C-alpha cells in the first residue's frame, strides 16, 4: 500500500509544481452604468431614454508579470460612431484606472489608455476593435505590454490590480467622465496560480 501511495504522490507533486511554474493570474469585471461615480442614466440627444450599456471583461496577467491580455464584450455603446444615428452613445475613450486609494466608490487616474486619448497601447499597438455585425457594441481585445502606461507601467500598477484597486472605464460623448465601469477583481476560482492544463 505504501508503494502505491508513493507512486501516486510523485506524479501529482510534479504536476502541481509544473502548474505553479507557469502560473497566470486571471482578473475579471462586469461593467455597467450603476458602477460609475455617480451612476449614469443614458439618454438620446433628444432627451428620450436609450438602452443602458453593459458588458464583461476578462484579463490574464502572464506568468512573468510583464503583460496583461484583455478581452472585452460591450453592448449598447457605439464603437464606430456609425452603429446608431444618435451621437450620445459614441465611445470616445476607454482606460484602466488604478491607484492606492481606488475603490468601487472612489475614482482614480488613468494608468493605461487603449481607446481614444490618452493612447498608451503603442509598444506595440495591438488593440483590436471588432464591432458587432448586427446590433450596437462589439469586442475589444488587446495587451498591456511592459513598456506601456500613462506615466506608469504594468509592473508599477500590478499591486493595485491584484488588490482590487483598479477599474476599467468606458467614456462616451454623453458621459465624458465615464458611462460604464467595472472594478477589476481576481476571477472566482482561477486567481493567482494557474488552473491545471
C-alpha atoms as a PDB file:
ATOM      1  CA  UNK A   1       0.000   0.000   0.000  1.00  0.00           C
ATOM      2  CA  UNK A   2       2.826   2.421   0.882  1.00  0.00           C
ATOM      3  CA  UNK A   3       4.429   1.752  -2.514  1.00  0.00           C
ATOM      4  CA  UNK A   4       1.196   2.733  -4.313  1.00  0.00           C
ATOM      5  CA  UNK A   5       0.915   5.990  -2.337  1.00  0.00           C
ATOM      6  CA  UNK A   6       4.479   6.900  -3.207  1.00  0.00           C
ATOM      7  CA  UNK A   7       3.912   6.213  -6.898  1.00  0.00           C
ATOM      8  CA  UNK A   8       0.754   8.390  -6.904  1.00  0.00           C
ATOM      9  CA  UNK A   9       2.230  11.236  -4.845  1.00  0.00           C
ATOM     10  CA  UNK A  10       5.299  11.850  -7.009  1.00  0.00           C
ATOM     11  CA  UNK A  11       3.435  12.455 -10.333  1.00  0.00           C
ATOM     12  CA  UNK A  12       0.871  14.648  -8.526  1.00  0.00           C
ATOM     13  CA  UNK A  13       3.626  16.709  -6.892  1.00  0.00           C
ATOM     14  CA  UNK A  14       5.338  17.129 -10.277  1.00  0.00           C
ATOM     15  CA  UNK A  15       2.058  18.219 -11.882  1.00  0.00           C
ATOM     16  CA  UNK A  16       1.379  20.822  -9.169  1.00  0.00           C
ATOM     17  CA  UNK A  17       4.965  22.106  -9.364  1.00  0.00           C
ATOM     18  CA  UNK A  18       4.638  22.464 -13.144  1.00  0.00           C
ATOM     19  CA  UNK A  19       1.397  24.428 -12.783  1.00  0.00           C
ATOM     20  CA  UNK A  20       2.962  26.837 -10.290  1.00  0.00           C
ATOM     21  CA  UNK A  21       5.957  27.453 -12.548  1.00  0.00           C
ATOM     22  CA  UNK A  22       3.708  28.678 -15.359  1.00  0.00           C
ATOM     23  CA  UNK A  23       1.126  30.478 -13.210  1.00  0.00           C
ATOM     24  CA  UNK A  24      -1.000  33.134 -14.815  1.00  0.00           C
ATOM     25  CA  UNK A  25      -3.303  35.485 -12.943  1.00  0.00           C
ATOM     26  CA  UNK A  26      -6.895  35.920 -14.035  1.00  0.00           C
ATOM     27  CA  UNK A  27      -8.929  39.064 -13.374  1.00  0.00           C
ATOM     28  CA  UNK A  28     -12.444  39.922 -14.454  1.00  0.00           C
ATOM     29  CA  UNK A  29     -15.020  42.685 -14.314  1.00  0.00           C
ATOM     30  CA  UNK A  30     -18.642  43.240 -15.152  1.00  0.00           C
ATOM     31  CA  UNK A  31     -19.272  46.746 -16.438  1.00  0.00           C
ATOM     32  CA  UNK A  32     -22.376  48.887 -16.055  1.00  0.00           C
ATOM     33  CA  UNK A  33     -23.545  52.434 -15.518  1.00  0.00           C
ATOM     34  CA  UNK A  34     -24.538  51.649 -11.929  1.00  0.00           C
ATOM     35  CA  UNK A  35     -20.843  51.332 -11.034  1.00  0.00           C
ATOM     36  CA  UNK A  36     -19.963  54.840 -12.227  1.00  0.00           C
ATOM     37  CA  UNK A  37     -19.416  57.617  -9.674  1.00  0.00           C
ATOM     38  CA  UNK A  38     -22.091  58.937  -9.878  1.00  0.00           C
ATOM     39  CA  UNK A  39     -24.219  56.267 -11.646  1.00  0.00           C
ATOM     40  CA  UNK A  40     -25.295  57.148 -15.167  1.00  0.00           C
ATOM     41  CA  UNK A  41     -28.730  57.345 -16.773  1.00  0.00           C
ATOM     42  CA  UNK A  42     -28.203  57.312 -20.568  1.00  0.00           C
ATOM     43  CA  UNK A  43     -30.457  59.353 -22.832  1.00  0.00           C
ATOM     44  CA  UNK A  44     -30.697  60.201 -26.501  1.00  0.00           C
ATOM     45  CA  UNK A  45     -29.587  63.679 -27.565  1.00  0.00           C
ATOM     46  CA  UNK A  46     -33.311  64.453 -27.960  1.00  0.00           C
ATOM     47  CA  UNK A  47     -33.845  63.654 -24.265  1.00  0.00           C
ATOM     48  CA  UNK A  48     -35.534  60.255 -24.578  1.00  0.00           C
ATOM     49  CA  UNK A  49     -34.201  57.156 -22.859  1.00  0.00           C
ATOM     50  CA  UNK A  50     -31.692  54.906 -24.616  1.00  0.00           C
ATOM     51  CA  UNK A  51     -30.701  51.337 -23.727  1.00  0.00           C
ATOM     52  CA  UNK A  52     -28.227  51.070 -20.855  1.00  0.00           C
ATOM     53  CA  UNK A  53     -24.768  49.871 -21.827  1.00  0.00           C
ATOM     54  CA  UNK A  54     -23.169  46.877 -20.109  1.00  0.00           C
ATOM     55  CA  UNK A  55     -20.549  44.223 -20.657  1.00  0.00           C
ATOM     56  CA  UNK A  56     -17.917  41.841 -19.365  1.00  0.00           C
ATOM     57  CA  UNK A  57     -14.136  41.926 -19.292  1.00  0.00           C
ATOM     58  CA  UNK A  58     -11.503  39.270 -18.677  1.00  0.00           C
ATOM     59  CA  UNK A  59      -7.785  39.822 -18.145  1.00  0.00           C
ATOM     60  CA  UNK A  60      -4.848  37.426 -18.000  1.00  0.00           C
ATOM     61  CA  UNK A  61      -1.541  38.529 -16.483  1.00  0.00           C
ATOM     62  CA  UNK A  62       1.203  36.323 -17.909  1.00  0.00           C
ATOM     63  CA  UNK A  63       3.394  34.150 -15.697  1.00  0.00           C
ATOM     64  CA  UNK A  64       6.271  36.662 -15.796  1.00  0.00           C
ATOM     65  CA  UNK A  65       4.002  39.610 -14.862  1.00  0.00           C
ATOM     66  CA  UNK A  66       5.195  41.540 -17.926  1.00  0.00           C
ATOM     67  CA  UNK A  67       1.964  41.704 -19.947  1.00  0.00           C
ATOM     68  CA  UNK A  68      -1.785  41.588 -19.437  1.00  0.00           C
ATOM     69  CA  UNK A  69      -4.136  40.497 -22.212  1.00  0.00           C
ATOM     70  CA  UNK A  70      -7.678  41.795 -22.272  1.00  0.00           C
ATOM     71  CA  UNK A  71     -10.940  40.658 -23.834  1.00  0.00           C
ATOM     72  CA  UNK A  72     -13.988  42.942 -23.607  1.00  0.00           C
ATOM     73  CA  UNK A  73     -17.545  42.447 -24.845  1.00  0.00           C
ATOM     74  CA  UNK A  74     -19.696  45.556 -24.595  1.00  0.00           C
ATOM     75  CA  UNK A  75     -23.326  46.154 -25.555  1.00  0.00           C
ATOM     76  CA  UNK A  76     -25.206  49.390 -26.382  1.00  0.00           C
ATOM     77  CA  UNK A  77     -22.105  51.543 -26.920  1.00  0.00           C
ATOM     78  CA  UNK A  78     -21.397  52.708 -30.468  1.00  0.00           C
ATOM     79  CA  UNK A  79     -17.798  51.623 -31.120  1.00  0.00           C
ATOM     80  CA  UNK A  80     -17.558  53.161 -34.595  1.00  0.00           C
ATOM     81  CA  UNK A  81     -19.732  56.284 -34.414  1.00  0.00           C
ATOM     82  CA  UNK A  82     -21.981  54.761 -37.085  1.00  0.00           C
ATOM     83  CA  UNK A  83     -23.780  51.905 -35.303  1.00  0.00           C
ATOM     84  CA  UNK A  84     -26.575  54.288 -34.254  1.00  0.00           C
ATOM     85  CA  UNK A  85     -27.808  57.634 -35.535  1.00  0.00           C
ATOM     86  CA  UNK A  86     -27.603  59.324 -32.118  1.00  0.00           C
ATOM     87  CA  UNK A  87     -24.160  60.591 -31.025  1.00  0.00           C
ATOM     88  CA  UNK A  88     -24.699  60.248 -27.262  1.00  0.00           C
ATOM     89  CA  UNK A  89     -23.646  56.567 -27.198  1.00  0.00           C
ATOM     90  CA  UNK A  90     -20.470  57.081 -29.264  1.00  0.00           C
ATOM     91  CA  UNK A  91     -17.444  55.608 -27.450  1.00  0.00           C
ATOM     92  CA  UNK A  92     -14.799  58.327 -27.139  1.00  0.00           C
ATOM     93  CA  UNK A  93     -12.224  56.720 -24.826  1.00  0.00           C
ATOM     94  CA  UNK A  94     -11.562  53.631 -22.726  1.00  0.00           C
ATOM     95  CA  UNK A  95      -8.974  53.168 -19.983  1.00  0.00           C
ATOM     96  CA  UNK A  96      -7.846  51.253 -16.951  1.00  0.00           C
ATOM     97  CA  UNK A  97      -7.753  53.462 -13.855  1.00  0.00           C
ATOM     98  CA  UNK A  98      -5.859  52.476 -10.704  1.00  0.00           C
ATOM     99  CA  UNK A  99      -4.286  53.835  -7.553  1.00  0.00           C
ATOM    100  CA  UNK A 100      -3.645  53.143  -3.888  1.00  0.00           C
ATOM    101  CA  UNK A 101      -6.901  54.895  -2.878  1.00  0.00           C
ATOM    102  CA  UNK A 102      -9.133  53.468  -5.649  1.00  0.00           C
ATOM    103  CA  UNK A 103     -12.205  51.515  -4.586  1.00  0.00           C
ATOM    104  CA  UNK A 104     -15.600  50.809  -6.159  1.00  0.00           C
ATOM    105  CA  UNK A 105     -16.721  54.147  -4.666  1.00  0.00           C
ATOM    106  CA  UNK A 106     -13.515  56.114  -5.363  1.00  0.00           C
ATOM    107  CA  UNK A 107     -12.189  57.313  -8.722  1.00  0.00           C
ATOM    108  CA  UNK A 108      -8.547  57.165  -9.773  1.00  0.00           C
ATOM    109  CA  UNK A 109      -6.229  58.283 -12.534  1.00  0.00           C
ATOM    110  CA  UNK A 110      -5.731  56.660 -15.937  1.00  0.00           C
ATOM    111  CA  UNK A 111      -2.880  54.127 -15.903  1.00  0.00           C
ATOM    112  CA  UNK A 112      -3.385  52.627 -19.384  1.00  0.00           C
ATOM    113  CA  UNK A 113      -5.476  54.058 -22.218  1.00  0.00           C
ATOM    114  CA  UNK A 114      -6.395  51.700 -25.055  1.00  0.00           C
ATOM    115  CA  UNK A 115      -9.102  53.605 -26.968  1.00  0.00           C
ATOM    116  CA  UNK A 116      -9.131  57.346 -27.638  1.00  0.00           C
ATOM    117  CA  UNK A 117      -6.932  59.604 -25.526  1.00  0.00           C
ATOM    118  CA  UNK A 118      -4.609  59.005 -23.848  1.00  0.00           C
ATOM    119  CA  UNK A 119      -3.479  56.280 -26.240  1.00  0.00           C
ATOM    120  CA  UNK A 120      -0.974  54.128 -24.348  1.00  0.00           C
ATOM    121  CA  UNK A 121      -1.272  50.969 -26.460  1.00  0.00           C
ATOM    122  CA  UNK A 122       1.779  51.794 -28.546  1.00  0.00           C
ATOM    123  CA  UNK A 123       4.636  49.370 -27.936  1.00  0.00           C
ATOM    124  CA  UNK A 124       3.387  47.541 -29.960  1.00  0.00           C
ATOM    125  CA  UNK A 125      -0.096  48.759 -30.790  1.00  0.00           C
ATOM    126  CA  UNK A 126      -2.189  45.607 -30.649  1.00  0.00           C
ATOM    127  CA  UNK A 127      -5.711  46.584 -29.505  1.00  0.00           C
ATOM    128  CA  UNK A 128      -8.346  45.328 -31.977  1.00  0.00           C
ATOM    129  CA  UNK A 129     -11.901  46.721 -32.003  1.00  0.00           C
ATOM    130  CA  UNK A 130     -14.474  44.468 -33.683  1.00  0.00           C
ATOM    131  CA  UNK A 131     -17.977  45.978 -33.879  1.00  0.00           C
ATOM    132  CA  UNK A 132     -20.978  43.665 -33.927  1.00  0.00           C
ATOM    133  CA  UNK A 133     -22.207  42.968 -37.463  1.00  0.00           C
ATOM    134  CA  UNK A 134     -25.764  43.355 -36.162  1.00  0.00           C
ATOM    135  CA  UNK A 135     -26.511  45.387 -33.072  1.00  0.00           C
ATOM    136  CA  UNK A 136     -24.706  48.056 -31.094  1.00  0.00           C
ATOM    137  CA  UNK A 137     -21.400  47.279 -29.393  1.00  0.00           C
ATOM    138  CA  UNK A 138     -18.729  44.691 -30.065  1.00  0.00           C
ATOM    139  CA  UNK A 139     -15.495  43.245 -28.753  1.00  0.00           C
ATOM    140  CA  UNK A 140     -12.166  44.815 -27.889  1.00  0.00           C
ATOM    141  CA  UNK A 141      -9.031  42.724 -27.424  1.00  0.00           C
ATOM    142  CA  UNK A 142      -5.526  43.837 -26.649  1.00  0.00           C
ATOM    143  CA  UNK A 143      -2.466  43.635 -24.448  1.00  0.00           C
ATOM    144  CA  UNK A 144      -0.875  45.943 -21.901  1.00  0.00           C
ATOM    145  CA  UNK A 145       2.819  45.315 -22.559  1.00  0.00           C
ATOM    146  CA  UNK A 146       5.641  46.028 -20.102  1.00  0.00           C
ATOM    147  CA  UNK A 147       6.856  49.363 -21.560  1.00  0.00           C
ATOM    148  CA  UNK A 148       3.352  50.853 -21.933  1.00  0.00           C
ATOM    149  CA  UNK A 149       1.448  53.019 -19.493  1.00  0.00           C
ATOM    150  CA  UNK A 150       0.175  56.525 -18.827  1.00  0.00           C
ATOM    151  CA  UNK A 151       3.226  57.841 -16.912  1.00  0.00           C
ATOM    152  CA  UNK A 152       3.418  54.433 -15.191  1.00  0.00           C
ATOM    153  CA  UNK A 153       3.921  50.759 -16.070  1.00  0.00           C
ATOM    154  CA  UNK A 154       2.085  47.471 -15.628  1.00  0.00           C
ATOM    155  CA  UNK A 155       4.729  46.399 -13.090  1.00  0.00           C
ATOM    156  CA  UNK A 156       4.106  49.529 -11.006  1.00  0.00           C
ATOM    157  CA  UNK A 157       0.319  49.050 -11.114  1.00  0.00           C
ATOM    158  CA  UNK A 158       0.211  45.276 -10.592  1.00  0.00           C
ATOM    159  CA  UNK A 159      -0.188  45.569  -6.788  1.00  0.00           C
ATOM    160  CA  UNK A 160      -3.225  47.825  -7.325  1.00  0.00           C
ATOM    161  CA  UNK A 161      -4.705  45.497  -9.961  1.00  0.00           C
ATOM    162  CA  UNK A 162      -4.329  42.421  -7.748  1.00  0.00           C
ATOM    163  CA  UNK A 163      -5.704  44.175  -4.653  1.00  0.00           C
ATOM    164  CA  UNK A 164      -8.907  45.364  -6.367  1.00  0.00           C
ATOM    165  CA  UNK A 165      -7.770  48.991  -6.524  1.00  0.00           C
ATOM    166  CA  UNK A 166      -8.409  49.321 -10.279  1.00  0.00           C
ATOM    167  CA  UNK A 167     -11.309  49.614 -12.689  1.00  0.00           C
ATOM    168  CA  UNK A 168     -11.967  49.727 -16.413  1.00  0.00           C
ATOM    169  CA  UNK A 169     -13.930  52.741 -17.682  1.00  0.00           C
ATOM    170  CA  UNK A 170     -15.693  53.472 -20.985  1.00  0.00           C
ATOM    171  CA  UNK A 171     -16.305  57.124 -21.823  1.00  0.00           C
ATOM    172  CA  UNK A 172     -18.946  58.326 -24.288  1.00  0.00           C
ATOM    173  CA  UNK A 173     -19.953  61.594 -25.902  1.00  0.00           C
ATOM    174  CA  UNK A 174     -22.740  61.977 -23.322  1.00  0.00           C
ATOM    175  CA  UNK A 175     -20.653  60.917 -20.326  1.00  0.00           C
ATOM    176  CA  UNK A 176     -17.129  62.290 -20.702  1.00  0.00           C
ATOM    177  CA  UNK A 177     -16.247  61.108 -17.189  1.00  0.00           C
ATOM    178  CA  UNK A 178     -17.392  57.565 -17.968  1.00  0.00           C
ATOM    179  CA  UNK A 179     -20.653  55.857 -18.912  1.00  0.00           C
ATOM    180  CA  UNK A 180     -19.908  52.310 -17.759  1.00  0.00           C
ATOM    181  CA  UNK A 181     -17.275  50.961 -15.436  1.00  0.00           C
ATOM    182  CA  UNK A 182     -16.265  47.778 -13.647  1.00  0.00           C
ATOM    183  CA  UNK A 183     -13.932  47.090 -10.750  1.00  0.00           C
ATOM    184  CA  UNK A 184     -11.172  44.558 -11.516  1.00  0.00           C
ATOM    185  CA  UNK A 185     -11.239  41.538  -9.236  1.00  0.00           C
ATOM    186  CA  UNK A 186      -9.438  38.225  -9.126  1.00  0.00           C
ATOM    187  CA  UNK A 187     -11.581  35.855 -11.173  1.00  0.00           C
ATOM    188  CA  UNK A 188     -13.526  33.428  -8.950  1.00  0.00           C
ATOM    189  CA  UNK A 189     -11.938  30.001  -8.791  1.00  0.00           C
ATOM    190  CA  UNK A 190      -8.995  30.868 -11.065  1.00  0.00           C
ATOM    191  CA  UNK A 191      -6.917  33.525  -9.392  1.00  0.00           C
ATOM    192  CA  UNK A 192      -3.178  33.741  -8.830  1.00  0.00           C
ATOM    193  CA  UNK A 193      -1.785  30.282  -9.549  1.00  0.00           C
ATOM    194  CA  UNK A 194      -2.891  28.775 -12.825  1.00  0.00           C
ATOM    195  CA  UNK A 195      -5.582  26.198 -13.256  1.00  0.00           C
ATOM    196  CA  UNK A 196      -4.138  22.877 -14.262  1.00  0.00           C
ATOM    197  CA  UNK A 197      -3.976  22.345 -18.027  1.00  0.00           C
END
